[in-house]
Amino acid sequence: MTIDRTDLEKIAQLARLELSEEELRRLTRDCQAILAYFEAIRRLDVTDAAPAGALENPAPMREDCVGGDRLERAPADIAPVWREGYFVLPRLPAMDVEAEGAEE
């Protein structure tokens, strides 16, 4: 697969990018190098290659079930202040400054 300047101009237009001539030239060169590298990887003969370790020793699968994770302790037990199912936090001083400015 190849990519040329026209392709990149179209992609830039779709992405609403404004590219300078130098950026377009450099991006074209870089994209062509990346695609050439992928082509080289695609041509590699891996028929005798050993599988990766993750394939030999896959992680154990857990049961697929709907529901939240069970917590060791309920949030209400560890919250400094808990009211009606919510953590209660002190008011931020910045909120008071904004409120004072709105009144003026």
N, C-alpha and C. Protein backbone atom coordinates (compact mmCIF):
# COMPACT_ATOMS: atom_id res chain seq x y z
N MET A 1 0.85 -1.17 0.00
CA MET A 1 0.00 0.00 0.00
C MET A 1 0.89 1.24 0.00
N THR A 2 0.48 2.23 -0.72
CA THR A 2 1.23 3.48 -0.74
C THR A 2 0.31 4.63 -0.37
N ILE A 3 0.91 5.70 0.05
CA ILE A 3 0.18 6.91 0.36
C ILE A 3 0.93 8.06 -0.27
N ASP A 4 0.22 8.95 -0.89
CA ASP A 4 0.90 10.08 -1.52
C ASP A 4 0.34 11.39 -0.99
N ARG A 5 0.88 12.45 -1.51
CA ARG A 5 0.52 13.79 -1.04
C ARG A 5 -0.99 14.05 -1.19
N THR A 6 -1.58 13.60 -2.30
CA THR A 6 -3.01 13.80 -2.53
C THR A 6 -3.83 13.13 -1.44
N ASP A 7 -3.44 11.90 -1.07
CA ASP A 7 -4.14 11.19 0.01
C ASP A 7 -4.07 11.98 1.32
N LEU A 8 -2.87 12.47 1.64
CA LEU A 8 -2.71 13.21 2.89
C LEU A 8 -3.45 14.54 2.87
N GLU A 9 -3.51 15.19 1.72
CA GLU A 9 -4.28 16.43 1.62
C GLU A 9 -5.76 16.16 1.89
N LYS A 10 -6.27 15.06 1.36
CA LYS A 10 -7.67 14.69 1.57
C LYS A 10 -7.92 14.36 3.04
N ILE A 11 -7.01 13.61 3.66
CA ILE A 11 -7.14 13.26 5.08
C ILE A 11 -7.10 14.52 5.93
N ALA A 12 -6.18 15.43 5.62
CA ALA A 12 -6.08 16.69 6.36
C ALA A 12 -7.35 17.51 6.21
N GLN A 13 -7.92 17.52 5.02
CA GLN A 13 -9.16 18.25 4.79
C GLN A 13 -10.29 17.65 5.62
N LEU A 14 -10.40 16.33 5.63
CA LEU A 14 -11.45 15.66 6.40
C LEU A 14 -11.28 15.90 7.91
N ALA A 15 -10.02 15.96 8.35
CA ALA A 15 -9.74 16.19 9.77
C ALA A 15 -9.71 17.67 10.11
N ARG A 16 -9.94 18.50 9.10
CA ARG A 16 -9.91 19.96 9.27
C ARG A 16 -8.57 20.43 9.84
N LEU A 17 -7.49 19.91 9.25
CA LEU A 17 -6.14 20.30 9.64
C LEU A 17 -5.56 21.22 8.58
N GLU A 18 -4.90 22.25 9.01
CA GLU A 18 -4.19 23.12 8.09
C GLU A 18 -2.71 22.76 8.18
N LEU A 19 -2.18 22.21 7.11
CA LEU A 19 -0.78 21.78 7.09
C LEU A 19 0.00 22.67 6.13
N SER A 20 1.19 23.06 6.56
CA SER A 20 2.06 23.83 5.68
C SER A 20 2.68 22.89 4.65
N GLU A 21 3.32 23.47 3.65
CA GLU A 21 3.98 22.65 2.62
C GLU A 21 5.02 21.74 3.25
N GLU A 22 5.80 22.27 4.20
CA GLU A 22 6.83 21.47 4.86
C GLU A 22 6.22 20.35 5.68
N GLU A 23 5.15 20.64 6.40
CA GLU A 23 4.48 19.60 7.19
C GLU A 23 3.91 18.52 6.28
N LEU A 24 3.33 18.91 5.16
CA LEU A 24 2.78 17.94 4.22
C LEU A 24 3.88 17.06 3.63
N ARG A 25 5.00 17.67 3.29
CA ARG A 25 6.13 16.92 2.73
C ARG A 25 6.68 15.93 3.76
N ARG A 26 6.87 16.42 5.00
CA ARG A 26 7.42 15.56 6.05
C ARG A 26 6.44 14.44 6.42
N LEU A 27 5.15 14.77 6.50
CA LEU A 27 4.14 13.77 6.83
C LEU A 27 4.04 12.70 5.75
N THR A 28 4.12 13.11 4.49
CA THR A 28 4.10 12.15 3.39
C THR A 28 5.27 11.19 3.50
N ARG A 29 6.46 11.75 3.74
CA ARG A 29 7.66 10.91 3.88
C ARG A 29 7.53 9.95 5.06
N ASP A 30 7.05 10.45 6.21
CA ASP A 30 6.93 9.61 7.40
C ASP A 30 5.89 8.51 7.20
N CYS A 31 4.76 8.83 6.60
CA CYS A 31 3.72 7.82 6.36
C CYS A 31 4.21 6.75 5.40
N GLN A 32 4.95 7.16 4.38
CA GLN A 32 5.49 6.17 3.44
C GLN A 32 6.49 5.25 4.14
N ALA A 33 7.31 5.80 5.04
CA ALA A 33 8.27 4.98 5.78
C ALA A 33 7.55 4.00 6.70
N ILE A 34 6.49 4.46 7.35
CA ILE A 34 5.71 3.58 8.24
C ILE A 34 5.07 2.45 7.45
N LEU A 35 4.47 2.77 6.32
CA LEU A 35 3.83 1.73 5.50
C LEU A 35 4.87 0.76 4.94
N ALA A 36 6.05 1.26 4.59
CA ALA A 36 7.12 0.37 4.11
C ALA A 36 7.55 -0.59 5.23
N TYR A 37 7.60 -0.09 6.44
CA TYR A 37 7.96 -0.94 7.58
C TYR A 37 6.90 -2.01 7.80
N PHE A 38 5.62 -1.64 7.74
CA PHE A 38 4.56 -2.63 7.87
C PHE A 38 4.63 -3.67 6.77
N GLU A 39 4.95 -3.26 5.57
CA GLU A 39 5.09 -4.19 4.45
C GLU A 39 6.22 -5.17 4.70
N ALA A 40 7.34 -4.67 5.25
CA ALA A 40 8.46 -5.55 5.58
C ALA A 40 8.06 -6.57 6.65
N ILE A 41 7.30 -6.13 7.63
CA ILE A 41 6.83 -7.05 8.67
C ILE A 41 5.88 -8.08 8.07
N ARG A 42 5.01 -7.64 7.17
CA ARG A 42 4.05 -8.55 6.55
C ARG A 42 4.75 -9.65 5.76
N ARG A 43 5.90 -9.35 5.18
CA ARG A 43 6.63 -10.34 4.36
C ARG A 43 7.44 -11.32 5.20
N LEU A 44 7.57 -11.10 6.49
CA LEU A 44 8.37 -12.00 7.32
C LEU A 44 7.77 -13.39 7.34
N ASP A 45 8.63 -14.40 7.30
CA ASP A 45 8.19 -15.78 7.39
C ASP A 45 8.18 -16.18 8.86
N VAL A 46 7.00 -16.37 9.41
CA VAL A 46 6.87 -16.70 10.83
C VAL A 46 6.31 -18.12 11.04
N THR A 47 6.41 -18.94 10.01
CA THR A 47 5.83 -20.29 10.12
C THR A 47 6.52 -21.12 11.19
N ASP A 48 7.83 -20.92 11.42
CA ASP A 48 8.55 -21.69 12.43
C ASP A 48 8.73 -20.94 13.74
N ALA A 49 8.15 -19.79 13.87
CA ALA A 49 8.31 -18.98 15.08
C ALA A 49 7.49 -19.57 16.22
N ALA A 50 8.07 -19.54 17.40
CA ALA A 50 7.36 -20.02 18.58
C ALA A 50 6.31 -18.99 18.99
N PRO A 51 5.20 -19.44 19.55
CA PRO A 51 4.19 -18.49 19.98
C PRO A 51 4.69 -17.65 21.14
N ALA A 52 4.12 -16.49 21.31
CA ALA A 52 4.49 -15.61 22.41
C ALA A 52 4.08 -16.23 23.73
N GLY A 53 4.71 -15.81 24.80
CA GLY A 53 4.44 -16.37 26.12
C GLY A 53 3.00 -16.25 26.55
N ALA A 54 2.34 -15.17 26.17
CA ALA A 54 0.96 -14.97 26.58
C ALA A 54 0.05 -16.04 25.99
N LEU A 55 0.41 -16.56 24.83
CA LEU A 55 -0.42 -17.60 24.23
C LEU A 55 -0.19 -18.95 24.89
N GLU A 56 1.02 -19.17 25.39
CA GLU A 56 1.31 -20.44 26.05
C GLU A 56 0.70 -20.52 27.43
N ASN A 57 0.70 -19.40 28.15
CA ASN A 57 0.18 -19.36 29.51
C ASN A 57 -0.85 -18.24 29.62
N PRO A 58 -2.04 -18.44 29.08
CA PRO A 58 -3.03 -17.36 29.13
C PRO A 58 -3.50 -17.10 30.56
N ALA A 59 -3.93 -15.89 30.81
CA ALA A 59 -4.46 -15.54 32.12
C ALA A 59 -5.77 -16.30 32.35
N PRO A 60 -6.02 -16.70 33.58
CA PRO A 60 -7.28 -17.41 33.84
C PRO A 60 -8.46 -16.50 33.58
N MET A 61 -9.51 -17.07 33.05
CA MET A 61 -10.72 -16.31 32.75
C MET A 61 -11.59 -16.27 33.99
N ARG A 62 -12.20 -15.13 34.24
CA ARG A 62 -13.14 -15.04 35.34
C ARG A 62 -14.55 -15.22 34.80
N GLU A 63 -15.46 -15.51 35.68
CA GLU A 63 -16.85 -15.69 35.28
C GLU A 63 -17.40 -14.36 34.77
N ASP A 64 -18.07 -14.40 33.64
CA ASP A 64 -18.64 -13.20 33.05
C ASP A 64 -20.02 -12.99 33.66
N CYS A 65 -20.13 -12.03 34.56
CA CYS A 65 -21.42 -11.79 35.21
C CYS A 65 -21.66 -10.29 35.31
N VAL A 66 -22.91 -9.93 35.29
CA VAL A 66 -23.30 -8.54 35.37
C VAL A 66 -23.36 -8.13 36.83
N GLY A 67 -22.90 -6.92 37.12
CA GLY A 67 -22.97 -6.42 38.48
C GLY A 67 -21.68 -5.72 38.85
N GLY A 68 -21.75 -4.92 39.86
CA GLY A 68 -20.58 -4.18 40.31
C GLY A 68 -19.65 -5.05 41.13
N ASP A 69 -18.44 -4.57 41.29
CA ASP A 69 -17.49 -5.28 42.15
C ASP A 69 -17.89 -5.10 43.60
N ARG A 70 -17.76 -6.15 44.35
CA ARG A 70 -18.09 -6.06 45.77
C ARG A 70 -16.90 -5.43 46.49
N LEU A 71 -17.20 -4.45 47.31
CA LEU A 71 -16.17 -3.78 48.07
C LEU A 71 -15.95 -4.50 49.40
N GLU A 72 -14.73 -4.40 49.88
CA GLU A 72 -14.43 -5.02 51.16
C GLU A 72 -15.22 -4.35 52.28
N ARG A 73 -15.31 -3.01 52.20
CA ARG A 73 -16.10 -2.24 53.16
C ARG A 73 -16.99 -1.28 52.38
N ALA A 74 -18.13 -1.00 52.91
CA ALA A 74 -19.06 -0.08 52.25
C ALA A 74 -18.50 1.33 52.31
N PRO A 75 -18.75 2.15 51.31
CA PRO A 75 -18.26 3.54 51.33
C PRO A 75 -18.74 4.31 52.56
N ALA A 76 -19.95 4.03 53.02
CA ALA A 76 -20.46 4.71 54.20
C ALA A 76 -19.61 4.42 55.43
N ASP A 77 -18.97 3.25 55.47
CA ASP A 77 -18.13 2.87 56.61
C ASP A 77 -16.81 3.62 56.64
N ILE A 78 -16.35 4.07 55.49
CA ILE A 78 -15.04 4.73 55.44
C ILE A 78 -15.14 6.23 55.21
N ALA A 79 -16.33 6.73 54.90
CA ALA A 79 -16.51 8.15 54.62
C ALA A 79 -16.47 8.95 55.92
N PRO A 80 -15.76 10.10 55.92
CA PRO A 80 -15.79 10.95 57.11
C PRO A 80 -17.21 11.43 57.39
N VAL A 81 -17.93 11.84 56.34
CA VAL A 81 -19.33 12.24 56.49
C VAL A 81 -20.10 11.63 55.32
N TRP A 82 -21.20 10.98 55.62
CA TRP A 82 -22.00 10.29 54.60
C TRP A 82 -23.46 10.66 54.82
N ARG A 83 -24.10 11.18 53.76
CA ARG A 83 -25.49 11.58 53.91
C ARG A 83 -26.27 11.16 52.67
N GLU A 84 -27.32 10.39 52.87
CA GLU A 84 -28.24 9.98 51.82
C GLU A 84 -27.53 9.36 50.62
N GLY A 85 -26.52 8.56 50.88
CA GLY A 85 -25.83 7.84 49.81
C GLY A 85 -24.72 8.62 49.13
N TYR A 86 -24.31 9.76 49.70
CA TYR A 86 -23.27 10.59 49.09
C TYR A 86 -22.21 10.96 50.13
N PHE A 87 -20.96 11.14 49.62
CA PHE A 87 -19.92 11.70 50.46
C PHE A 87 -20.23 13.19 50.64
N VAL A 88 -20.05 13.69 51.84
CA VAL A 88 -20.23 15.11 52.10
C VAL A 88 -18.85 15.73 52.25
N LEU A 89 -18.57 16.74 51.43
CA LEU A 89 -17.27 17.39 51.43
C LEU A 89 -17.42 18.84 51.83
N PRO A 90 -16.34 19.43 52.39
CA PRO A 90 -16.42 20.85 52.73
C PRO A 90 -16.51 21.70 51.47
N ARG A 91 -17.16 22.83 51.58
CA ARG A 91 -17.29 23.74 50.45
C ARG A 91 -15.92 24.30 50.10
N LEU A 92 -15.65 24.46 48.82
CA LEU A 92 -14.38 25.00 48.38
C LEU A 92 -14.39 26.52 48.51
N PRO A 93 -13.32 27.10 49.03
CA PRO A 93 -13.27 28.55 49.16
C PRO A 93 -13.45 29.28 47.82
N ALA A 94 -12.98 28.69 46.75
CA ALA A 94 -13.13 29.31 45.43
C ALA A 94 -14.59 29.47 45.05
N MET A 95 -15.44 28.59 45.52
CA MET A 95 -16.86 28.70 45.23
C MET A 95 -17.46 29.93 45.90
N ASP A 96 -16.96 30.27 47.09
CA ASP A 96 -17.46 31.46 47.78
C ASP A 96 -17.04 32.72 47.07
N VAL A 97 -15.84 32.76 46.51
CA VAL A 97 -15.36 33.93 45.77
C VAL A 97 -16.21 34.16 44.53
N GLU A 98 -16.54 33.09 43.83
CA GLU A 98 -17.38 33.21 42.63
C GLU A 98 -18.76 33.71 42.99
N ALA A 99 -19.31 33.25 44.10
CA ALA A 99 -20.63 33.67 44.52
C ALA A 99 -20.64 35.15 44.88
N GLU A 100 -19.58 35.65 45.52
CA GLU A 100 -19.48 37.06 45.87
C GLU A 100 -19.42 37.92 44.62
N GLY A 101 -18.66 37.46 43.60
CA GLY A 101 -18.53 38.23 42.36
C GLY A 101 -19.83 38.27 41.58
N ALA A 102 -20.68 37.25 41.70
CA ALA A 102 -21.94 37.19 40.98
C ALA A 102 -22.96 38.16 41.57
N GLU A 103 -22.85 38.45 42.87
CA GLU A 103 -23.80 39.32 43.52
C GLU A 103 -23.61 40.78 43.12
N GLU A 104 -22.42 41.17 42.74
CA GLU A 104 -22.12 42.56 42.41
C GLU A 104 -22.72 43.01 41.13
